[in-house]
Amino acid sequence: MIRAEFFESNGYLVGFSFSGHSGYAESGSDIVCAAVSSAVQLTANMLEGFGHSPELKVGENVIECRVSPDNDASQMIKMLREHFESILEEFPKTIKITNSEV
């Protein structure tokens, strides 16, 4: 299962962390993992492209991204969370979404 954690501070979404595999299919053929990976990379690139200077930590099967509290950045991260909620509806038991106050 993919573990998707979203970080919130003072009402703003300020980051996310993703790890694990969905288990939907074998590694390399898993469309859920591909969708999640693509959306995470797109969001990180958009945060960078729009000047939010994300702090990224990438490791073996894990990525963490944090930004300073900002309405625009928060909206981008919110859209990512909504995207994962849509994936979860279509592919149940593949993603666990949590929120943490930081």
PDB file of N, CA and C in Angstrom:
ATOM      1  N   MET A   1       0.839  -1.180   0.000  1.00  0.00           N
ATOM      2  CA  MET A   1       0.000   0.000   0.000  1.00  0.00           C
ATOM      3  C   MET A   1       0.892   1.254   0.000  1.00  0.00           C
ATOM      4  N   ILE A   2       0.480   2.244  -0.765  1.00  0.00           N
ATOM      5  CA  ILE A   2       1.180   3.526  -0.782  1.00  0.00           C
ATOM      6  C   ILE A   2       0.720   4.317   0.432  1.00  0.00           C
ATOM      7  N   ARG A   3       1.668   4.859   1.163  1.00  0.00           N
ATOM      8  CA  ARG A   3       1.354   5.717   2.302  1.00  0.00           C
ATOM      9  C   ARG A   3       1.566   7.165   1.863  1.00  0.00           C
ATOM     10  N   ALA A   4       0.484   7.918   1.864  1.00  0.00           N
ATOM     11  CA  ALA A   4       0.502   9.324   1.459  1.00  0.00           C
ATOM     12  C   ALA A   4       0.178  10.170   2.678  1.00  0.00           C
ATOM     13  N   GLU A   5       1.153  10.920   3.147  1.00  0.00           N
ATOM     14  CA  GLU A   5       0.957  11.788   4.306  1.00  0.00           C
ATOM     15  C   GLU A   5       1.042  13.238   3.857  1.00  0.00           C
ATOM     16  N   PHE A   6       0.049  14.025   4.233  1.00  0.00           N
ATOM     17  CA  PHE A   6       0.034  15.446   3.898  1.00  0.00           C
ATOM     18  C   PHE A   6       0.257  16.242   5.177  1.00  0.00           C
ATOM     19  N   PHE A   7       1.125  17.251   5.089  1.00  0.00           N
ATOM     20  CA  PHE A   7       1.484  18.060   6.243  1.00  0.00           C
ATOM     21  C   PHE A   7       0.723  19.379   6.201  1.00  0.00           C
ATOM     22  N   GLU A   8       0.149  19.754   7.342  1.00  0.00           N
ATOM     23  CA  GLU A   8      -0.623  20.986   7.448  1.00  0.00           C
ATOM     24  C   GLU A   8      -0.059  21.840   8.581  1.00  0.00           C
ATOM     25  N   SER A   9      -0.025  23.150   8.342  1.00  0.00           N
ATOM     26  CA  SER A   9       0.441  24.093   9.351  1.00  0.00           C
ATOM     27  C   SER A   9      -0.405  25.358   9.273  1.00  0.00           C
ATOM     28  N   ASN A  10      -1.052  25.707  10.362  1.00  0.00           N
ATOM     29  CA  ASN A  10      -1.872  26.924  10.435  1.00  0.00           C
ATOM     30  C   ASN A  10      -2.870  27.032   9.289  1.00  0.00           C
ATOM     31  N   GLY A  11      -3.500  25.920   8.949  1.00  0.00           N
ATOM     32  CA  GLY A  11      -4.518  25.930   7.909  1.00  0.00           C
ATOM     33  C   GLY A  11      -4.000  25.791   6.494  1.00  0.00           C
ATOM     34  N   TYR A  12      -2.694  25.744   6.304  1.00  0.00           N
ATOM     35  CA  TYR A  12      -2.094  25.573   4.978  1.00  0.00           C
ATOM     36  C   TYR A  12      -1.533  24.169   4.831  1.00  0.00           C
ATOM     37  N   LEU A  13      -1.701  23.575   3.669  1.00  0.00           N
ATOM     38  CA  LEU A  13      -0.967  22.353   3.356  1.00  0.00           C
ATOM     39  C   LEU A  13       0.437  22.792   2.979  1.00  0.00           C
ATOM     40  N   VAL A  14       1.434  22.232   3.660  1.00  0.00           N
ATOM     41  CA  VAL A  14       2.815  22.682   3.469  1.00  0.00           C
ATOM     42  C   VAL A  14       3.749  21.564   3.010  1.00  0.00           C
ATOM     43  N   GLY A  15       3.193  20.423   2.666  1.00  0.00           N
ATOM     44  CA  GLY A  15       4.057  19.365   2.177  1.00  0.00           C
ATOM     45  C   GLY A  15       3.381  18.016   2.160  1.00  0.00           C
ATOM     46  N   PHE A  16       4.178  17.037   1.732  1.00  0.00           N
ATOM     47  CA  PHE A  16       3.682  15.675   1.631  1.00  0.00           C
ATOM     48  C   PHE A  16       4.851  14.700   1.667  1.00  0.00           C
ATOM     49  N   SER A  17       4.520  13.463   1.997  1.00  0.00           N
ATOM     50  CA  SER A  17       5.484  12.374   1.984  1.00  0.00           C
ATOM     51  C   SER A  17       4.781  11.146   1.422  1.00  0.00           C
ATOM     52  N   PHE A  18       5.467  10.443   0.527  1.00  0.00           N
ATOM     53  CA  PHE A  18       4.912   9.239  -0.075  1.00  0.00           C
ATOM     54  C   PHE A  18       5.921   8.124  -0.005  1.00  0.00           C
ATOM     55  N   SER A  19       5.433   6.934   0.307  1.00  0.00           N
ATOM     56  CA  SER A  19       6.303   5.770   0.329  1.00  0.00           C
ATOM     57  C   SER A  19       5.469   4.521   0.062  1.00  0.00           C
ATOM     58  N   GLY A  20       6.149   3.445  -0.277  1.00  0.00           N
ATOM     59  CA  GLY A  20       5.494   2.162  -0.479  1.00  0.00           C
ATOM     60  C   GLY A  20       5.093   1.903  -1.918  1.00  0.00           C
ATOM     61  N   HIS A  21       4.454   0.773  -2.094  1.00  0.00           N
ATOM     62  CA  HIS A  21       3.931   0.353  -3.402  1.00  0.00           C
ATOM     63  C   HIS A  21       2.452   0.024  -3.249  1.00  0.00           C
ATOM     64  N   SER A  22       1.704   0.249  -4.283  1.00  0.00           N
ATOM     65  CA  SER A  22       0.258   0.037  -4.201  1.00  0.00           C
ATOM     66  C   SER A  22      -0.119  -1.432  -4.086  1.00  0.00           C
ATOM     67  N   GLY A  23       0.672  -2.302  -4.683  1.00  0.00           N
ATOM     68  CA  GLY A  23       0.335  -3.718  -4.692  1.00  0.00           C
ATOM     69  C   GLY A  23      -0.713  -4.078  -5.722  1.00  0.00           C
ATOM     70  N   TYR A  24      -1.049  -3.143  -6.580  1.00  0.00           N
ATOM     71  CA  TYR A  24      -2.060  -3.410  -7.602  1.00  0.00           C
ATOM     72  C   TYR A  24      -1.546  -4.391  -8.658  1.00  0.00           C
ATOM     73  N   ALA A  25      -0.265  -4.257  -9.003  1.00  0.00           N
ATOM     74  CA  ALA A  25       0.357  -5.140  -9.995  1.00  0.00           C
ATOM     75  C   ALA A  25       1.849  -5.245  -9.667  1.00  0.00           C
ATOM     76  N   GLU A  26       2.542  -6.065 -10.427  1.00  0.00           N
ATOM     77  CA  GLU A  26       3.976  -6.226 -10.212  1.00  0.00           C
ATOM     78  C   GLU A  26       4.703  -4.916 -10.485  1.00  0.00           C
ATOM     79  N   SER A  27       5.821  -4.730  -9.785  1.00  0.00           N
ATOM     80  CA  SER A  27       6.650  -3.543  -9.994  1.00  0.00           C
ATOM     81  C   SER A  27       7.011  -3.429 -11.470  1.00  0.00           C
ATOM     82  N   GLY A  28       6.869  -2.238 -12.008  1.00  0.00           N
ATOM     83  CA  GLY A  28       7.128  -2.008 -13.425  1.00  0.00           C
ATOM     84  C   GLY A  28       5.882  -2.091 -14.285  1.00  0.00           C
ATOM     85  N   SER A  29       4.809  -2.681 -13.737  1.00  0.00           N
ATOM     86  CA  SER A  29       3.540  -2.800 -14.460  1.00  0.00           C
ATOM     87  C   SER A  29       2.374  -2.221 -13.676  1.00  0.00           C
ATOM     88  N   ASP A  30       2.671  -1.541 -12.589  1.00  0.00           N
ATOM     89  CA  ASP A  30       1.644  -1.065 -11.668  1.00  0.00           C
ATOM     90  C   ASP A  30       1.174   0.335 -12.074  1.00  0.00           C
ATOM     91  N   ILE A  31      -0.044   0.411 -12.613  1.00  0.00           N
ATOM     92  CA  ILE A  31      -0.557   1.699 -13.093  1.00  0.00           C
ATOM     93  C   ILE A  31      -0.853   2.663 -11.948  1.00  0.00           C
ATOM     94  N   VAL A  32      -1.186   2.145 -10.776  1.00  0.00           N
ATOM     95  CA  VAL A  32      -1.450   3.019  -9.629  1.00  0.00           C
ATOM     96  C   VAL A  32      -0.147   3.687  -9.191  1.00  0.00           C
ATOM     97  N   CYS A  33       0.924   2.901  -9.067  1.00  0.00           N
ATOM     98  CA  CYS A  33       2.222   3.485  -8.701  1.00  0.00           C
ATOM     99  C   CYS A  33       2.681   4.499  -9.749  1.00  0.00           C
ATOM    100  N   ALA A  34       2.450   4.194 -11.016  1.00  0.00           N
ATOM    101  CA  ALA A  34       2.835   5.125 -12.076  1.00  0.00           C
ATOM    102  C   ALA A  34       2.056   6.434 -11.970  1.00  0.00           C
ATOM    103  N   ALA A  35       0.757   6.346 -11.693  1.00  0.00           N
ATOM    104  CA  ALA A  35      -0.062   7.550 -11.568  1.00  0.00           C
ATOM    105  C   ALA A  35       0.376   8.385 -10.376  1.00  0.00           C
ATOM    106  N   VAL A  36       0.651   7.728  -9.259  1.00  0.00           N
ATOM    107  CA  VAL A  36       1.086   8.439  -8.057  1.00  0.00           C
ATOM    108  C   VAL A  36       2.444   9.097  -8.295  1.00  0.00           C
ATOM    109  N   SER A  37       3.390   8.356  -8.832  1.00  0.00           N
ATOM    110  CA  SER A  37       4.737   8.891  -9.077  1.00  0.00           C
ATOM    111  C   SER A  37       4.696  10.097 -10.009  1.00  0.00           C
ATOM    112  N   SER A  38       3.921   9.988 -11.061  1.00  0.00           N
ATOM    113  CA  SER A  38       3.813  11.086 -12.021  1.00  0.00           C
ATOM    114  C   SER A  38       3.201  12.329 -11.371  1.00  0.00           C
ATOM    115  N   ALA A  39       2.143  12.154 -10.598  1.00  0.00           N
ATOM    116  CA  ALA A  39       1.480  13.293  -9.955  1.00  0.00           C
ATOM    117  C   ALA A  39       2.383  13.953  -8.918  1.00  0.00           C
ATOM    118  N   VAL A  40       3.128  13.146  -8.168  1.00  0.00           N
ATOM    119  CA  VAL A  40       4.048  13.702  -7.170  1.00  0.00           C
ATOM    120  C   VAL A  40       5.140  14.517  -7.855  1.00  0.00           C
ATOM    121  N   GLN A  41       5.711  13.958  -8.916  1.00  0.00           N
ATOM    122  CA  GLN A  41       6.774  14.667  -9.636  1.00  0.00           C
ATOM    123  C   GLN A  41       6.236  15.952 -10.261  1.00  0.00           C
ATOM    124  N   LEU A  42       5.059  15.903 -10.847  1.00  0.00           N
ATOM    125  CA  LEU A  42       4.443  17.095 -11.430  1.00  0.00           C
ATOM    126  C   LEU A  42       4.221  18.168 -10.373  1.00  0.00           C
ATOM    127  N   THR A  43       3.706  17.787  -9.219  1.00  0.00           N
ATOM    128  CA  THR A  43       3.450  18.758  -8.153  1.00  0.00           C
ATOM    129  C   THR A  43       4.740  19.390  -7.662  1.00  0.00           C
ATOM    130  N   ALA A  44       5.771  18.577  -7.428  1.00  0.00           N
ATOM    131  CA  ALA A  44       7.064  19.122  -6.998  1.00  0.00           C
ATOM    132  C   ALA A  44       7.624  20.082  -8.042  1.00  0.00           C
ATOM    133  N   ASN A  45       7.516  19.719  -9.315  1.00  0.00           N
ATOM    134  CA  ASN A  45       8.006  20.588 -10.384  1.00  0.00           C
ATOM    135  C   ASN A  45       7.201  21.879 -10.476  1.00  0.00           C
ATOM    136  N   MET A  46       5.893  21.800 -10.281  1.00  0.00           N
ATOM    137  CA  MET A  46       5.066  23.012 -10.314  1.00  0.00           C
ATOM    138  C   MET A  46       5.402  23.925  -9.142  1.00  0.00           C
ATOM    139  N   LEU A  47       5.590  23.344  -7.958  1.00  0.00           N
ATOM    140  CA  LEU A  47       5.966  24.159  -6.803  1.00  0.00           C
ATOM    141  C   LEU A  47       7.276  24.886  -7.078  1.00  0.00           C
ATOM    142  N   GLU A  48       8.230  24.185  -7.652  1.00  0.00           N
ATOM    143  CA  GLU A  48       9.520  24.801  -8.004  1.00  0.00           C
ATOM    144  C   GLU A  48       9.331  25.863  -9.090  1.00  0.00           C
ATOM    145  N   GLY A  49       8.584  25.520 -10.125  1.00  0.00           N
ATOM    146  CA  GLY A  49       8.383  26.426 -11.255  1.00  0.00           C
ATOM    147  C   GLY A  49       7.670  27.714 -10.892  1.00  0.00           C
ATOM    148  N   PHE A  50       6.804  27.645  -9.881  1.00  0.00           N
ATOM    149  CA  PHE A  50       6.079  28.842  -9.451  1.00  0.00           C
ATOM    150  C   PHE A  50       6.755  29.538  -8.277  1.00  0.00           C
ATOM    151  N   GLY A  51       8.024  29.190  -8.032  1.00  0.00           N
ATOM    152  CA  GLY A  51       8.836  29.930  -7.069  1.00  0.00           C
ATOM    153  C   GLY A  51       8.620  29.613  -5.604  1.00  0.00           C
ATOM    154  N   HIS A  52       8.084  28.434  -5.284  1.00  0.00           N
ATOM    155  CA  HIS A  52       7.835  28.090  -3.882  1.00  0.00           C
ATOM    156  C   HIS A  52       9.017  27.390  -3.215  1.00  0.00           C
ATOM    157  N   SER A  53      10.084  27.164  -3.946  1.00  0.00           N
ATOM    158  CA  SER A  53      11.333  26.594  -3.422  1.00  0.00           C
ATOM    159  C   SER A  53      11.108  25.385  -2.506  1.00  0.00           C
ATOM    160  N   PRO A  54      10.556  24.301  -3.060  1.00  0.00           N
ATOM    161  CA  PRO A  54      10.302  23.136  -2.208  1.00  0.00           C
ATOM    162  C   PRO A  54      11.591  22.491  -1.713  1.00  0.00           C
ATOM    163  N   GLU A  55      11.551  22.038  -0.475  1.00  0.00           N
ATOM    164  CA  GLU A  55      12.652  21.265   0.081  1.00  0.00           C
ATOM    165  C   GLU A  55      12.304  19.799  -0.165  1.00  0.00           C
ATOM    166  N   LEU A  56      13.103  19.137  -0.991  1.00  0.00           N
ATOM    167  CA  LEU A  56      12.819  17.756  -1.366  1.00  0.00           C
ATOM    168  C   LEU A  56      13.817  16.806  -0.740  1.00  0.00           C
ATOM    169  N   LYS A  57      13.311  15.678  -0.275  1.00  0.00           N
ATOM    170  CA  LYS A  57      14.142  14.578   0.201  1.00  0.00           C
ATOM    171  C   LYS A  57      13.682  13.344  -0.551  1.00  0.00           C
ATOM    172  N   VAL A  58      14.594  12.744  -1.313  1.00  0.00           N
ATOM    173  CA  VAL A  58      14.258  11.577  -2.112  1.00  0.00           C
ATOM    174  C   VAL A  58      15.139  10.423  -1.664  1.00  0.00           C
ATOM    175  N   GLY A  59      14.527   9.300  -1.382  1.00  0.00           N
ATOM    176  CA  GLY A  59      15.255   8.114  -0.972  1.00  0.00           C
ATOM    177  C   GLY A  59      14.712   6.897  -1.683  1.00  0.00           C
ATOM    178  N   GLU A  60      15.164   5.747  -1.238  1.00  0.00           N
ATOM    179  CA  GLU A  60      14.674   4.488  -1.791  1.00  0.00           C
ATOM    180  C   GLU A  60      13.192   4.354  -1.496  1.00  0.00           C
ATOM    181  N   ASN A  61      12.366   4.485  -2.518  1.00  0.00           N
ATOM    182  CA  ASN A  61      10.926   4.292  -2.405  1.00  0.00           C
ATOM    183  C   ASN A  61      10.235   5.300  -1.489  1.00  0.00           C
ATOM    184  N   VAL A  62      10.796   6.510  -1.365  1.00  0.00           N
ATOM    185  CA  VAL A  62      10.157   7.542  -0.546  1.00  0.00           C
ATOM    186  C   VAL A  62      10.524   8.925  -1.089  1.00  0.00           C
ATOM    187  N   ILE A  63       9.565   9.828  -1.030  1.00  0.00           N
ATOM    188  CA  ILE A  63       9.832  11.227  -1.375  1.00  0.00           C
ATOM    189  C   ILE A  63       9.079  12.099  -0.373  1.00  0.00           C
ATOM    190  N   GLU A  64       9.755  13.147   0.065  1.00  0.00           N
ATOM    191  CA  GLU A  64       9.135  14.114   0.969  1.00  0.00           C
ATOM    192  C   GLU A  64       9.365  15.498   0.386  1.00  0.00           C
ATOM    193  N   CYS A  65       8.343  16.322   0.450  1.00  0.00           N
ATOM    194  CA  CYS A  65       8.408  17.682  -0.077  1.00  0.00           C
ATOM    195  C   CYS A  65       7.774  18.611   0.943  1.00  0.00           C
ATOM    196  N   ARG A  66       8.468  19.716   1.226  1.00  0.00           N
ATOM    197  CA  ARG A  66       7.932  20.730   2.146  1.00  0.00           C
ATOM    198  C   ARG A  66       8.150  22.120   1.552  1.00  0.00           C
ATOM    199  N   VAL A  67       7.181  22.997   1.830  1.00  0.00           N
ATOM    200  CA  VAL A  67       7.259  24.389   1.394  1.00  0.00           C
ATOM    201  C   VAL A  67       6.843  25.285   2.559  1.00  0.00           C
ATOM    202  N   SER A  68       7.134  26.566   2.429  1.00  0.00           N
ATOM    203  CA  SER A  68       6.669  27.538   3.412  1.00  0.00           C
ATOM    204  C   SER A  68       5.163  27.729   3.256  1.00  0.00           C
ATOM    205  N   PRO A  69       4.465  28.058   4.344  1.00  0.00           N
ATOM    206  CA  PRO A  69       3.017  28.275   4.245  1.00  0.00           C
ATOM    207  C   PRO A  69       2.686  29.379   3.236  1.00  0.00           C
ATOM    208  N   ASP A  70       1.864  29.037   2.277  1.00  0.00           N
ATOM    209  CA  ASP A  70       1.488  29.965   1.211  1.00  0.00           C
ATOM    210  C   ASP A  70       0.194  29.450   0.596  1.00  0.00           C
ATOM    211  N   ASN A  71      -0.744  30.326   0.303  1.00  0.00           N
ATOM    212  CA  ASN A  71      -2.031  29.910  -0.236  1.00  0.00           C
ATOM    213  C   ASN A  71      -1.902  29.188  -1.569  1.00  0.00           C
ATOM    214  N   ASP A  72      -1.109  29.706  -2.493  1.00  0.00           N
ATOM    215  CA  ASP A  72      -0.979  29.074  -3.809  1.00  0.00           C
ATOM    216  C   ASP A  72      -0.351  27.689  -3.699  1.00  0.00           C
ATOM    217  N   ALA A  73       0.719  27.560  -2.920  1.00  0.00           N
ATOM    218  CA  ALA A  73       1.364  26.259  -2.736  1.00  0.00           C
ATOM    219  C   ALA A  73       0.392  25.295  -2.068  1.00  0.00           C
ATOM    220  N   SER A  74      -0.340  25.772  -1.086  1.00  0.00           N
ATOM    221  CA  SER A  74      -1.308  24.944  -0.386  1.00  0.00           C
ATOM    222  C   SER A  74      -2.366  24.414  -1.349  1.00  0.00           C
ATOM    223  N   GLN A  75      -2.809  25.245  -2.273  1.00  0.00           N
ATOM    224  CA  GLN A  75      -3.815  24.823  -3.255  1.00  0.00           C
ATOM    225  C   GLN A  75      -3.258  23.739  -4.180  1.00  0.00           C
ATOM    226  N   MET A  76      -1.990  23.863  -4.591  1.00  0.00           N
ATOM    227  CA  MET A  76      -1.385  22.838  -5.438  1.00  0.00           C
ATOM    228  C   MET A  76      -1.324  21.504  -4.707  1.00  0.00           C
ATOM    229  N   ILE A  77      -0.945  21.535  -3.445  1.00  0.00           N
ATOM    230  CA  ILE A  77      -0.848  20.309  -2.654  1.00  0.00           C
ATOM    231  C   ILE A  77      -2.241  19.740  -2.406  1.00  0.00           C
ATOM    232  N   LYS A  78      -3.226  20.602  -2.206  1.00  0.00           N
ATOM    233  CA  LYS A  78      -4.604  20.154  -2.029  1.00  0.00           C
ATOM    234  C   LYS A  78      -5.083  19.427  -3.282  1.00  0.00           C
ATOM    235  N   MET A  79      -4.734  19.930  -4.450  1.00  0.00           N
ATOM    236  CA  MET A  79      -5.132  19.278  -5.699  1.00  0.00           C
ATOM    237  C   MET A  79      -4.487  17.895  -5.819  1.00  0.00           C
ATOM    238  N   LEU A  80      -3.240  17.776  -5.356  1.00  0.00           N
ATOM    239  CA  LEU A  80      -2.573  16.478  -5.343  1.00  0.00           C
ATOM    240  C   LEU A  80      -3.339  15.507  -4.443  1.00  0.00           C
ATOM    241  N   ARG A  81      -3.718  15.956  -3.252  1.00  0.00           N
ATOM    242  CA  ARG A  81      -4.469  15.103  -2.333  1.00  0.00           C
ATOM    243  C   ARG A  81      -5.802  14.678  -2.964  1.00  0.00           C
ATOM    244  N   GLU A  82      -6.490  15.598  -3.609  1.00  0.00           N
ATOM    245  CA  GLU A  82      -7.761  15.268  -4.257  1.00  0.00           C
ATOM    246  C   GLU A  82      -7.555  14.264  -5.388  1.00  0.00           C
ATOM    247  N   HIS A  83      -6.446  14.381  -6.096  1.00  0.00           N
ATOM    248  CA  HIS A  83      -6.117  13.429  -7.156  1.00  0.00           C
ATOM    249  C   HIS A  83      -5.955  12.027  -6.567  1.00  0.00           C
ATOM    250  N   PHE A  84      -5.256  11.932  -5.435  1.00  0.00           N
ATOM    251  CA  PHE A  84      -5.067  10.632  -4.800  1.00  0.00           C
ATOM    252  C   PHE A  84      -6.365  10.066  -4.260  1.00  0.00           C
ATOM    253  N   GLU A  85      -7.247  10.932  -3.772  1.00  0.00           N
ATOM    254  CA  GLU A  85      -8.553  10.470  -3.318  1.00  0.00           C
ATOM    255  C   GLU A  85      -9.341   9.873  -4.482  1.00  0.00           C
ATOM    256  N   SER A  86      -9.198  10.459  -5.677  1.00  0.00           N
ATOM    257  CA  SER A  86      -9.855   9.923  -6.872  1.00  0.00           C
ATOM    258  C   SER A  86      -9.264   8.570  -7.260  1.00  0.00           C
ATOM    259  N   ILE A  87      -7.945   8.448  -7.197  1.00  0.00           N
ATOM    260  CA  ILE A  87      -7.299   7.167  -7.492  1.00  0.00           C
ATOM    261  C   ILE A  87      -7.786   6.109  -6.504  1.00  0.00           C
ATOM    262  N   LEU A  88      -7.860   6.473  -5.230  1.00  0.00           N
ATOM    263  CA  LEU A  88      -8.290   5.548  -4.196  1.00  0.00           C
ATOM    264  C   LEU A  88      -9.723   5.066  -4.432  1.00  0.00           C
ATOM    265  N   GLU A  89     -10.592   5.940  -4.919  1.00  0.00           N
ATOM    266  CA  GLU A  89     -11.964   5.535  -5.232  1.00  0.00           C
ATOM    267  C   GLU A  89     -11.989   4.475  -6.325  1.00  0.00           C
ATOM    268  N   GLU A  90     -11.144   4.648  -7.331  1.00  0.00           N
ATOM    269  CA  GLU A  90     -11.115   3.711  -8.453  1.00  0.00           C
ATOM    270  C   GLU A  90     -10.342   2.439  -8.129  1.00  0.00           C
ATOM    271  N   PHE A  91      -9.319   2.563  -7.294  1.00  0.00           N
ATOM    272  CA  PHE A  91      -8.459   1.428  -6.942  1.00  0.00           C
ATOM    273  C   PHE A  91      -8.374   1.315  -5.416  1.00  0.00           C
ATOM    274  N   PRO A  92      -9.437   0.785  -4.787  1.00  0.00           N
ATOM    275  CA  PRO A  92      -9.473   0.697  -3.322  1.00  0.00           C
ATOM    276  C   PRO A  92      -8.303  -0.102  -2.752  1.00  0.00           C
ATOM    277  N   LYS A  93      -7.927   0.229  -1.533  1.00  0.00           N
ATOM    278  CA  LYS A  93      -6.885  -0.456  -0.773  1.00  0.00           C
ATOM    279  C   LYS A  93      -5.495  -0.355  -1.400  1.00  0.00           C
ATOM    280  N   THR A  94      -5.267   0.698  -2.201  1.00  0.00           N
ATOM    281  CA  THR A  94      -3.947   0.887  -2.799  1.00  0.00           C
ATOM    282  C   THR A  94      -3.197   2.061  -2.170  1.00  0.00           C
ATOM    283  N   ILE A  95      -3.923   2.994  -1.548  1.00  0.00           N
ATOM    284  CA  ILE A  95      -3.317   4.189  -0.970  1.00  0.00           C
ATOM    285  C   ILE A  95      -3.952   4.430   0.400  1.00  0.00           C
ATOM    286  N   LYS A  96      -3.111   4.739   1.374  1.00  0.00           N
ATOM    287  CA  LYS A  96      -3.604   5.182   2.675  1.00  0.00           C
ATOM    288  C   LYS A  96      -3.229   6.650   2.801  1.00  0.00           C
ATOM    289  N   ILE A  97      -4.214   7.517   2.931  1.00  0.00           N
ATOM    290  CA  ILE A  97      -4.012   8.969   2.992  1.00  0.00           C
ATOM    291  C   ILE A  97      -4.195   9.432   4.432  1.00  0.00           C
ATOM    292  N   THR A  98      -3.185  10.139   4.955  1.00  0.00           N
ATOM    293  CA  THR A  98      -3.278  10.694   6.297  1.00  0.00           C
ATOM    294  C   THR A  98      -2.868  12.170   6.256  1.00  0.00           C
ATOM    295  N   ASN A  99      -3.283  12.893   7.274  1.00  0.00           N
ATOM    296  CA  ASN A  99      -2.919  14.297   7.437  1.00  0.00           C
ATOM    297  C   ASN A  99      -2.237  14.462   8.783  1.00  0.00           C
ATOM    298  N   SER A 100      -1.189  15.272   8.823  1.00  0.00           N
ATOM    299  CA  SER A 100      -0.464  15.524  10.058  1.00  0.00           C
ATOM    300  C   SER A 100      -0.258  17.020  10.240  1.00  0.00           C
ATOM    301  N   GLU A 101      -0.491  17.484  11.445  1.00  0.00           N
ATOM    302  CA  GLU A 101      -0.216  18.873  11.794  1.00  0.00           C
ATOM    303  C   GLU A 101       1.272  18.991  12.113  1.00  0.00           C
ATOM    304  N   VAL A 102       1.932  19.935  11.491  1.00  0.00           N
ATOM    305  CA  VAL A 102       3.382  20.143  11.743  1.00  0.00           C
ATOM    306  C   VAL A 102       3.631  21.538  12.259  1.00  0.00           C
TER     307      VAL A 102
END
